[in-house]
Amino acid sequence: MQFVFKKVTHFSRLLKAGGRLREFNFRKLTDLREDGWFHVDVADDRGDRIIFRLSEHEPGGITPALSLPEWVRDAMPQLYDIIKTAGQEESLA
């Protein structure tokens, strides 16, 4: 029996989005079919969680894109910068 262990990458960043400081939580998906994707979640004004996935390799690779609030879509350039930085830090480790 062979065991495969993969390092889990998860982190949080504070960003100003929608006029408020919000905590975005990131987790890199390690499934072979999901390589290069990050699971992202953030709380809205009522405390409900907004959950979506971002692609590290494709700008604009986001699911589900239609149901995201405008303040999340406006923060996308900053979110892409964060996951690119995380990918570079991971390759250095």
PDB file of N, CA and C in Angstrom:
ATOM      1  N   MET A   1       0.840  -1.171   0.000  1.00  0.00           N
ATOM      2  CA  MET A   1       0.000   0.000   0.000  1.00  0.00           C
ATOM      3  C   MET A   1       0.889   1.238   0.000  1.00  0.00           C
ATOM      4  N   GLN A   2       0.576   2.195  -0.881  1.00  0.00           N
ATOM      5  CA  GLN A   2       1.383   3.396  -0.992  1.00  0.00           C
ATOM      6  C   GLN A   2       0.556   4.609  -0.564  1.00  0.00           C
ATOM      7  N   PHE A   3       1.135   5.430   0.282  1.00  0.00           N
ATOM      8  CA  PHE A   3       0.468   6.642   0.734  1.00  0.00           C
ATOM      9  C   PHE A   3       1.098   7.843   0.056  1.00  0.00           C
ATOM     10  N   VAL A   4       0.253   8.760  -0.360  1.00  0.00           N
ATOM     11  CA  VAL A   4       0.730   9.993  -0.975  1.00  0.00           C
ATOM     12  C   VAL A   4       0.297  11.148  -0.085  1.00  0.00           C
ATOM     13  N   PHE A   5       1.261  11.914   0.382  1.00  0.00           N
ATOM     14  CA  PHE A   5       0.967  13.060   1.226  1.00  0.00           C
ATOM     15  C   PHE A   5       1.218  14.333   0.432  1.00  0.00           C
ATOM     16  N   LYS A   6       0.266  15.232   0.493  1.00  0.00           N
ATOM     17  CA  LYS A   6       0.419  16.514  -0.176  1.00  0.00           C
ATOM     18  C   LYS A   6       0.316  17.616   0.867  1.00  0.00           C
ATOM     19  N   LYS A   7       1.167  18.610   0.703  1.00  0.00           N
ATOM     20  CA  LYS A   7       1.152  19.742   1.615  1.00  0.00           C
ATOM     21  C   LYS A   7      -0.088  20.592   1.331  1.00  0.00           C
ATOM     22  N   VAL A   8      -0.797  20.956   2.380  1.00  0.00           N
ATOM     23  CA  VAL A   8      -1.985  21.795   2.244  1.00  0.00           C
ATOM     24  C   VAL A   8      -1.562  23.248   2.390  1.00  0.00           C
ATOM     25  N   THR A   9      -1.930  24.051   1.412  1.00  0.00           N
ATOM     26  CA  THR A   9      -1.627  25.474   1.454  1.00  0.00           C
ATOM     27  C   THR A   9      -2.904  26.221   1.777  1.00  0.00           C
ATOM     28  N   HIS A  10      -2.914  26.897   2.910  1.00  0.00           N
ATOM     29  CA  HIS A  10      -4.066  27.727   3.257  1.00  0.00           C
ATOM     30  C   HIS A  10      -3.567  28.957   4.000  1.00  0.00           C
ATOM     31  N   PHE A  11      -4.240  30.079   3.758  1.00  0.00           N
ATOM     32  CA  PHE A  11      -3.834  31.340   4.371  1.00  0.00           C
ATOM     33  C   PHE A  11      -4.987  32.322   4.287  1.00  0.00           C
ATOM     34  N   SER A  12      -4.896  33.408   5.026  1.00  0.00           N
ATOM     35  CA  SER A  12      -5.897  34.475   5.033  1.00  0.00           C
ATOM     36  C   SER A  12      -5.215  35.801   4.749  1.00  0.00           C
ATOM     37  N   ARG A  13      -5.937  36.682   4.084  1.00  0.00           N
ATOM     38  CA  ARG A  13      -5.447  38.033   3.824  1.00  0.00           C
ATOM     39  C   ARG A  13      -6.585  39.020   4.058  1.00  0.00           C
ATOM     40  N   LEU A  14      -6.240  40.185   4.587  1.00  0.00           N
ATOM     41  CA  LEU A  14      -7.207  41.268   4.767  1.00  0.00           C
ATOM     42  C   LEU A  14      -7.125  42.207   3.573  1.00  0.00           C
ATOM     43  N   LEU A  15      -8.286  42.482   2.966  1.00  0.00           N
ATOM     44  CA  LEU A  15      -8.373  43.401   1.830  1.00  0.00           C
ATOM     45  C   LEU A  15      -9.520  44.362   2.053  1.00  0.00           C
ATOM     46  N   LYS A  16      -9.363  45.558   1.562  1.00  0.00           N
ATOM     47  CA  LYS A  16     -10.477  46.494   1.595  1.00  0.00           C
ATOM     48  C   LYS A  16     -11.313  46.248   0.341  1.00  0.00           C
ATOM     49  N   ALA A  17     -12.546  45.834   0.548  1.00  0.00           N
ATOM     50  CA  ALA A  17     -13.458  45.535  -0.567  1.00  0.00           C
ATOM     51  C   ALA A  17     -14.852  45.992  -0.169  1.00  0.00           C
ATOM     52  N   GLY A  18     -15.519  46.667  -1.063  1.00  0.00           N
ATOM     53  CA  GLY A  18     -16.865  47.147  -0.773  1.00  0.00           C
ATOM     54  C   GLY A  18     -16.891  48.174   0.340  1.00  0.00           C
ATOM     55  N   GLY A  19     -15.810  48.938   0.486  1.00  0.00           N
ATOM     56  CA  GLY A  19     -15.754  49.975   1.503  1.00  0.00           C
ATOM     57  C   GLY A  19     -15.454  49.470   2.907  1.00  0.00           C
ATOM     58  N   ARG A  20     -15.161  48.182   3.047  1.00  0.00           N
ATOM     59  CA  ARG A  20     -14.881  47.594   4.360  1.00  0.00           C
ATOM     60  C   ARG A  20     -13.639  46.720   4.278  1.00  0.00           C
ATOM     61  N   LEU A  21     -12.987  46.538   5.419  1.00  0.00           N
ATOM     62  CA  LEU A  21     -11.877  45.616   5.510  1.00  0.00           C
ATOM     63  C   LEU A  21     -12.445  44.213   5.703  1.00  0.00           C
ATOM     64  N   ARG A  22     -12.087  43.299   4.808  1.00  0.00           N
ATOM     65  CA  ARG A  22     -12.654  41.949   4.843  1.00  0.00           C
ATOM     66  C   ARG A  22     -11.536  40.912   4.851  1.00  0.00           C
ATOM     67  N   GLU A  23     -11.805  39.789   5.518  1.00  0.00           N
ATOM     68  CA  GLU A  23     -10.845  38.698   5.576  1.00  0.00           C
ATOM     69  C   GLU A  23     -11.185  37.670   4.500  1.00  0.00           C
ATOM     70  N   PHE A  24     -10.273  37.495   3.552  1.00  0.00           N
ATOM     71  CA  PHE A  24     -10.421  36.493   2.506  1.00  0.00           C
ATOM     72  C   PHE A  24      -9.595  35.282   2.906  1.00  0.00           C
ATOM     73  N   ASN A  25     -10.208  34.105   2.916  1.00  0.00           N
ATOM     74  CA  ASN A  25      -9.530  32.858   3.263  1.00  0.00           C
ATOM     75  C   ASN A  25      -9.270  32.074   1.990  1.00  0.00           C
ATOM     76  N   PHE A  26      -8.044  31.602   1.815  1.00  0.00           N
ATOM     77  CA  PHE A  26      -7.628  30.879   0.620  1.00  0.00           C
ATOM     78  C   PHE A  26      -7.180  29.472   1.007  1.00  0.00           C
ATOM     79  N   ARG A  27      -7.515  28.498   0.156  1.00  0.00           N
ATOM     80  CA  ARG A  27      -7.008  27.130   0.319  1.00  0.00           C
ATOM     81  C   ARG A  27      -6.740  26.584  -1.067  1.00  0.00           C
ATOM     82  N   LYS A  28      -5.511  26.117  -1.286  1.00  0.00           N
ATOM     83  CA  LYS A  28      -5.167  25.570  -2.598  1.00  0.00           C
ATOM     84  C   LYS A  28      -5.741  24.165  -2.707  1.00  0.00           C
ATOM     85  N   LEU A  29      -6.475  23.916  -3.789  1.00  0.00           N
ATOM     86  CA  LEU A  29      -7.058  22.600  -4.025  1.00  0.00           C
ATOM     87  C   LEU A  29      -5.972  21.678  -4.550  1.00  0.00           C
ATOM     88  N   THR A  30      -5.812  20.512  -3.921  1.00  0.00           N
ATOM     89  CA  THR A  30      -4.700  19.620  -4.260  1.00  0.00           C
ATOM     90  C   THR A  30      -5.128  18.422  -5.089  1.00  0.00           C
ATOM     91  N   ASP A  31      -6.380  18.337  -5.452  1.00  0.00           N
ATOM     92  CA  ASP A  31      -6.847  17.256  -6.307  1.00  0.00           C
ATOM     93  C   ASP A  31      -6.144  17.374  -7.661  1.00  0.00           C
ATOM     94  N   LEU A  32      -5.765  16.255  -8.252  1.00  0.00           N
ATOM     95  CA  LEU A  32      -5.042  16.295  -9.531  1.00  0.00           C
ATOM     96  C   LEU A  32      -5.844  16.981 -10.625  1.00  0.00           C
ATOM     97  N   ARG A  33      -7.144  16.825 -10.600  1.00  0.00           N
ATOM     98  CA  ARG A  33      -7.984  17.467 -11.612  1.00  0.00           C
ATOM     99  C   ARG A  33      -8.124  18.962 -11.351  1.00  0.00           C
ATOM    100  N   GLU A  34      -7.824  19.402 -10.148  1.00  0.00           N
ATOM    101  CA  GLU A  34      -8.039  20.791  -9.745  1.00  0.00           C
ATOM    102  C   GLU A  34      -6.720  21.554  -9.594  1.00  0.00           C
ATOM    103  N   ASP A  35      -5.653  21.101 -10.226  1.00  0.00           N
ATOM    104  CA  ASP A  35      -4.347  21.729 -10.037  1.00  0.00           C
ATOM    105  C   ASP A  35      -4.390  23.193 -10.453  1.00  0.00           C
ATOM    106  N   GLY A  36      -3.875  24.049  -9.581  1.00  0.00           N
ATOM    107  CA  GLY A  36      -3.829  25.471  -9.881  1.00  0.00           C
ATOM    108  C   GLY A  36      -5.068  26.240  -9.487  1.00  0.00           C
ATOM    109  N   TRP A  37      -5.985  25.642  -8.754  1.00  0.00           N
ATOM    110  CA  TRP A  37      -7.205  26.315  -8.321  1.00  0.00           C
ATOM    111  C   TRP A  37      -7.155  26.577  -6.827  1.00  0.00           C
ATOM    112  N   PHE A  38      -7.700  27.711  -6.420  1.00  0.00           N
ATOM    113  CA  PHE A  38      -7.808  28.075  -5.014  1.00  0.00           C
ATOM    114  C   PHE A  38      -9.279  28.193  -4.634  1.00  0.00           C
ATOM    115  N   HIS A  39      -9.610  27.641  -3.483  1.00  0.00           N
ATOM    116  CA  HIS A  39     -10.926  27.807  -2.873  1.00  0.00           C
ATOM    117  C   HIS A  39     -10.838  29.093  -2.050  1.00  0.00           C
ATOM    118  N   VAL A  40     -11.776  30.024  -2.261  1.00  0.00           N
ATOM    119  CA  VAL A  40     -11.757  31.306  -1.561  1.00  0.00           C
ATOM    120  C   VAL A  40     -13.094  31.497  -0.874  1.00  0.00           C
ATOM    121  N   ASP A  41     -13.066  31.973   0.377  1.00  0.00           N
ATOM    122  CA  ASP A  41     -14.317  32.333   1.029  1.00  0.00           C
ATOM    123  C   ASP A  41     -14.143  33.615   1.822  1.00  0.00           C
ATOM    124  N   VAL A  42     -15.229  34.373   1.900  1.00  0.00           N
ATOM    125  CA  VAL A  42     -15.250  35.664   2.570  1.00  0.00           C
ATOM    126  C   VAL A  42     -16.671  35.894   3.085  1.00  0.00           C
ATOM    127  N   ALA A  43     -16.788  36.638   4.172  1.00  0.00           N
ATOM    128  CA  ALA A  43     -18.112  36.940   4.734  1.00  0.00           C
ATOM    129  C   ALA A  43     -18.661  38.221   4.106  1.00  0.00           C
ATOM    130  N   ASP A  44     -19.972  38.239   3.846  1.00  0.00           N
ATOM    131  CA  ASP A  44     -20.597  39.459   3.350  1.00  0.00           C
ATOM    132  C   ASP A  44     -21.046  40.318   4.537  1.00  0.00           C
ATOM    133  N   ASP A  45     -21.817  41.370   4.269  1.00  0.00           N
ATOM    134  CA  ASP A  45     -22.230  42.301   5.318  1.00  0.00           C
ATOM    135  C   ASP A  45     -23.122  41.653   6.374  1.00  0.00           C
ATOM    136  N   ARG A  46     -23.869  40.624   6.005  1.00  0.00           N
ATOM    137  CA  ARG A  46     -24.755  39.943   6.957  1.00  0.00           C
ATOM    138  C   ARG A  46     -24.070  38.785   7.670  1.00  0.00           C
ATOM    139  N   GLY A  47     -22.827  38.485   7.306  1.00  0.00           N
ATOM    140  CA  GLY A  47     -22.107  37.386   7.929  1.00  0.00           C
ATOM    141  C   GLY A  47     -22.227  36.073   7.183  1.00  0.00           C
ATOM    142  N   ASP A  48     -22.959  36.064   6.071  1.00  0.00           N
ATOM    143  CA  ASP A  48     -23.064  34.861   5.245  1.00  0.00           C
ATOM    144  C   ASP A  48     -21.763  34.684   4.467  1.00  0.00           C
ATOM    145  N   ARG A  49     -21.367  33.415   4.244  1.00  0.00           N
ATOM    146  CA  ARG A  49     -20.126  33.128   3.537  1.00  0.00           C
ATOM    147  C   ARG A  49     -20.353  33.150   2.033  1.00  0.00           C
ATOM    148  N   ILE A  50     -19.437  33.790   1.326  1.00  0.00           N
ATOM    149  CA  ILE A  50     -19.415  33.768  -0.141  1.00  0.00           C
ATOM    150  C   ILE A  50     -18.246  32.869  -0.509  1.00  0.00           C
ATOM    151  N   ILE A  51     -18.527  31.811  -1.260  1.00  0.00           N
ATOM    152  CA  ILE A  51     -17.518  30.806  -1.579  1.00  0.00           C
ATOM    153  C   ILE A  51     -17.388  30.699  -3.099  1.00  0.00           C
ATOM    154  N   PHE A  52     -16.141  30.717  -3.571  1.00  0.00           N
ATOM    155  CA  PHE A  52     -15.891  30.573  -5.004  1.00  0.00           C
ATOM    156  C   PHE A  52     -14.488  30.028  -5.193  1.00  0.00           C
ATOM    157  N   ARG A  53     -14.156  29.687  -6.449  1.00  0.00           N
ATOM    158  CA  ARG A  53     -12.825  29.169  -6.792  1.00  0.00           C
ATOM    159  C   ARG A  53     -12.164  30.100  -7.794  1.00  0.00           C
ATOM    160  N   LEU A  54     -10.854  30.280  -7.637  1.00  0.00           N
ATOM    161  CA  LEU A  54     -10.055  31.094  -8.558  1.00  0.00           C
ATOM    162  C   LEU A  54      -8.966  30.242  -9.172  1.00  0.00           C
ATOM    163  N   SER A  55      -8.716  30.438 -10.450  1.00  0.00           N
ATOM    164  CA  SER A  55      -7.639  29.734 -11.129  1.00  0.00           C
ATOM    165  C   SER A  55      -6.350  30.526 -11.010  1.00  0.00           C
ATOM    166  N   GLU A  56      -5.283  29.828 -10.654  1.00  0.00           N
ATOM    167  CA  GLU A  56      -3.969  30.455 -10.539  1.00  0.00           C
ATOM    168  C   GLU A  56      -3.385  30.737 -11.924  1.00  0.00           C
ATOM    169  N   HIS A  57      -3.763  29.945 -12.925  1.00  0.00           N
ATOM    170  CA  HIS A  57      -3.144  30.011 -14.240  1.00  0.00           C
ATOM    171  C   HIS A  57      -3.950  30.801 -15.265  1.00  0.00           C
ATOM    172  N   GLU A  58      -5.267  30.880 -15.104  1.00  0.00           N
ATOM    173  CA  GLU A  58      -6.090  31.575 -16.085  1.00  0.00           C
ATOM    174  C   GLU A  58      -6.697  32.818 -15.471  1.00  0.00           C
ATOM    175  N   PRO A  59      -6.276  34.009 -15.881  1.00  0.00           N
ATOM    176  CA  PRO A  59      -6.976  35.195 -15.412  1.00  0.00           C
ATOM    177  C   PRO A  59      -8.428  35.129 -15.883  1.00  0.00           C
ATOM    178  N   GLY A  60      -9.335  35.382 -15.022  1.00  0.00           N
ATOM    179  CA  GLY A  60     -10.752  35.260 -15.355  1.00  0.00           C
ATOM    180  C   GLY A  60     -11.297  33.887 -15.074  1.00  0.00           C
ATOM    181  N   GLY A  61     -10.454  32.939 -14.654  1.00  0.00           N
ATOM    182  CA  GLY A  61     -10.917  31.600 -14.307  1.00  0.00           C
ATOM    183  C   GLY A  61     -11.523  31.627 -12.913  1.00  0.00           C
ATOM    184  N   ILE A  62     -12.836  31.731 -12.861  1.00  0.00           N
ATOM    185  CA  ILE A  62     -13.521  31.848 -11.585  1.00  0.00           C
ATOM    186  C   ILE A  62     -14.843  31.107 -11.677  1.00  0.00           C
ATOM    187  N   THR A  63     -15.207  30.414 -10.617  1.00  0.00           N
ATOM    188  CA  THR A  63     -16.501  29.741 -10.574  1.00  0.00           C
ATOM    189  C   THR A  63     -17.138  29.992  -9.222  1.00  0.00           C
ATOM    190  N   PRO A  64     -18.378  30.223  -9.070  1.00  0.00           N
ATOM    191  CA  PRO A  64     -19.338  30.700 -10.075  1.00  0.00           C
ATOM    192  C   PRO A  64     -19.224  32.207 -10.242  1.00  0.00           C
ATOM    193  N   ALA A  65     -19.036  32.678 -11.447  1.00  0.00           N
ATOM    194  CA  ALA A  65     -18.789  34.095 -11.708  1.00  0.00           C
ATOM    195  C   ALA A  65     -20.067  34.939 -11.636  1.00  0.00           C
ATOM    196  N   LEU A  66     -21.191  34.370 -11.984  1.00  0.00           N
ATOM    197  CA  LEU A  66     -22.412  35.167 -12.087  1.00  0.00           C
ATOM    198  C   LEU A  66     -22.995  35.562 -10.745  1.00  0.00           C
ATOM    199  N   SER A  67     -22.806  34.760  -9.724  1.00  0.00           N
ATOM    200  CA  SER A  67     -23.489  35.020  -8.461  1.00  0.00           C
ATOM    201  C   SER A  67     -22.657  35.820  -7.465  1.00  0.00           C
ATOM    202  N   LEU A  68     -21.509  36.331  -7.867  1.00  0.00           N
ATOM    203  CA  LEU A  68     -20.658  37.075  -6.942  1.00  0.00           C
ATOM    204  C   LEU A  68     -21.095  38.531  -6.845  1.00  0.00           C
ATOM    205  N   PRO A  69     -21.039  39.087  -5.640  1.00  0.00           N
ATOM    206  CA  PRO A  69     -21.364  40.513  -5.493  1.00  0.00           C
ATOM    207  C   PRO A  69     -20.345  41.384  -6.233  1.00  0.00           C
ATOM    208  N   GLU A  70     -20.739  42.600  -6.511  1.00  0.00           N
ATOM    209  CA  GLU A  70     -19.886  43.509  -7.269  1.00  0.00           C
ATOM    210  C   GLU A  70     -18.587  43.809  -6.528  1.00  0.00           C
ATOM    211  N   TRP A  71     -18.630  43.933  -5.202  1.00  0.00           N
ATOM    212  CA  TRP A  71     -17.412  44.260  -4.448  1.00  0.00           C
ATOM    213  C   TRP A  71     -16.384  43.132  -4.523  1.00  0.00           C
ATOM    214  N   VAL A  72     -16.830  41.874  -4.694  1.00  0.00           N
ATOM    215  CA  VAL A  72     -15.888  40.764  -4.875  1.00  0.00           C
ATOM    216  C   VAL A  72     -15.271  40.852  -6.271  1.00  0.00           C
ATOM    217  N   ARG A  73     -16.101  41.103  -7.281  1.00  0.00           N
ATOM    218  CA  ARG A  73     -15.582  41.226  -8.649  1.00  0.00           C
ATOM    219  C   ARG A  73     -14.606  42.392  -8.776  1.00  0.00           C
ATOM    220  N   ASP A  74     -14.853  43.487  -8.039  1.00  0.00           N
ATOM    221  CA  ASP A  74     -13.936  44.631  -8.077  1.00  0.00           C
ATOM    222  C   ASP A  74     -12.596  44.305  -7.425  1.00  0.00           C
ATOM    223  N   ALA A  75     -12.580  43.357  -6.488  1.00  0.00           N
ATOM    224  CA  ALA A  75     -11.347  42.978  -5.781  1.00  0.00           C
ATOM    225  C   ALA A  75     -10.543  41.909  -6.523  1.00  0.00           C
ATOM    226  N   MET A  76     -11.013  41.431  -7.671  1.00  0.00           N
ATOM    227  CA  MET A  76     -10.349  40.342  -8.386  1.00  0.00           C
ATOM    228  C   MET A  76      -8.876  40.609  -8.716  1.00  0.00           C
ATOM    229  N   PRO A  77      -8.486  41.799  -9.187  1.00  0.00           N
ATOM    230  CA  PRO A  77      -7.050  42.003  -9.462  1.00  0.00           C
ATOM    231  C   PRO A  77      -6.180  41.780  -8.221  1.00  0.00           C
ATOM    232  N   GLN A  78      -6.642  42.230  -7.069  1.00  0.00           N
ATOM    233  CA  GLN A  78      -5.893  42.032  -5.827  1.00  0.00           C
ATOM    234  C   GLN A  78      -5.860  40.550  -5.450  1.00  0.00           C
ATOM    235  N   LEU A  79      -6.967  39.843  -5.646  1.00  0.00           N
ATOM    236  CA  LEU A  79      -7.024  38.418  -5.317  1.00  0.00           C
ATOM    237  C   LEU A  79      -6.065  37.626  -6.198  1.00  0.00           C
ATOM    238  N   TYR A  80      -5.996  37.954  -7.492  1.00  0.00           N
ATOM    239  CA  TYR A  80      -5.061  37.270  -8.392  1.00  0.00           C
ATOM    240  C   TYR A  80      -3.615  37.531  -7.990  1.00  0.00           C
ATOM    241  N   ASP A  81      -3.318  38.757  -7.568  1.00  0.00           N
ATOM    242  CA  ASP A  81      -1.961  39.053  -7.101  1.00  0.00           C
ATOM    243  C   ASP A  81      -1.614  38.211  -5.874  1.00  0.00           C
ATOM    244  N   ILE A  82      -2.568  38.033  -4.982  1.00  0.00           N
ATOM    245  CA  ILE A  82      -2.335  37.249  -3.768  1.00  0.00           C
ATOM    246  C   ILE A  82      -2.049  35.790  -4.110  1.00  0.00           C
ATOM    247  N   ILE A  83      -2.838  35.175  -5.005  1.00  0.00           N
ATOM    248  CA  ILE A  83      -2.611  33.757  -5.305  1.00  0.00           C
ATOM    249  C   ILE A  83      -1.343  33.560  -6.136  1.00  0.00           C
ATOM    250  N   LYS A  84      -0.973  34.540  -6.963  1.00  0.00           N
ATOM    251  CA  LYS A  84       0.298  34.432  -7.689  1.00  0.00           C
ATOM    252  C   LYS A  84       1.464  34.480  -6.714  1.00  0.00           C
ATOM    253  N   THR A  85       1.400  35.360  -5.740  1.00  0.00           N
ATOM    254  CA  THR A  85       2.446  35.455  -4.717  1.00  0.00           C
ATOM    255  C   THR A  85       2.524  34.165  -3.916  1.00  0.00           C
ATOM    256  N   ALA A  86       1.374  33.589  -3.584  1.00  0.00           N
ATOM    257  CA  ALA A  86       1.357  32.338  -2.826  1.00  0.00           C
ATOM    258  C   ALA A  86       1.969  31.204  -3.639  1.00  0.00           C
ATOM    259  N   GLY A  87       1.712  31.178  -4.943  1.00  0.00           N
ATOM    260  CA  GLY A  87       2.296  30.148  -5.805  1.00  0.00           C
ATOM    261  C   GLY A  87       3.804  30.278  -5.900  1.00  0.00           C
ATOM    262  N   GLN A  88       4.310  31.510  -5.936  1.00  0.00           N
ATOM    263  CA  GLN A  88       5.751  31.720  -5.991  1.00  0.00           C
ATOM    264  C   GLN A  88       6.412  31.339  -4.671  1.00  0.00           C
ATOM    265  N   GLU A  89       5.764  31.665  -3.552  1.00  0.00           N
ATOM    266  CA  GLU A  89       6.313  31.296  -2.244  1.00  0.00           C
ATOM    267  C   GLU A  89       6.343  29.786  -2.063  1.00  0.00           C
ATOM    268  N   GLU A  90       5.314  29.116  -2.591  1.00  0.00           N
ATOM    269  CA  GLU A  90       5.248  27.656  -2.479  1.00  0.00           C
ATOM    270  C   GLU A  90       6.360  26.993  -3.286  1.00  0.00           C
ATOM    271  N   SER A  91       6.676  27.551  -4.462  1.00  0.00           N
ATOM    272  CA  SER A  91       7.726  26.953  -5.283  1.00  0.00           C
ATOM    273  C   SER A  91       9.116  27.175  -4.666  1.00  0.00           C
ATOM    274  N   LEU A  92       9.265  28.186  -3.838  1.00  0.00           N
ATOM    275  CA  LEU A  92      10.548  28.440  -3.175  1.00  0.00           C
ATOM    276  C   LEU A  92      10.765  27.528  -1.980  1.00  0.00           C
ATOM    277  N   ALA A  93       9.668  27.022  -1.397  1.00  0.00           N
ATOM    278  CA  ALA A  93       9.772  26.205  -0.188  1.00  0.00           C
ATOM    279  C   ALA A  93      10.295  24.812  -0.489  1.00  0.00           C
TER     280      ALA A  93
END
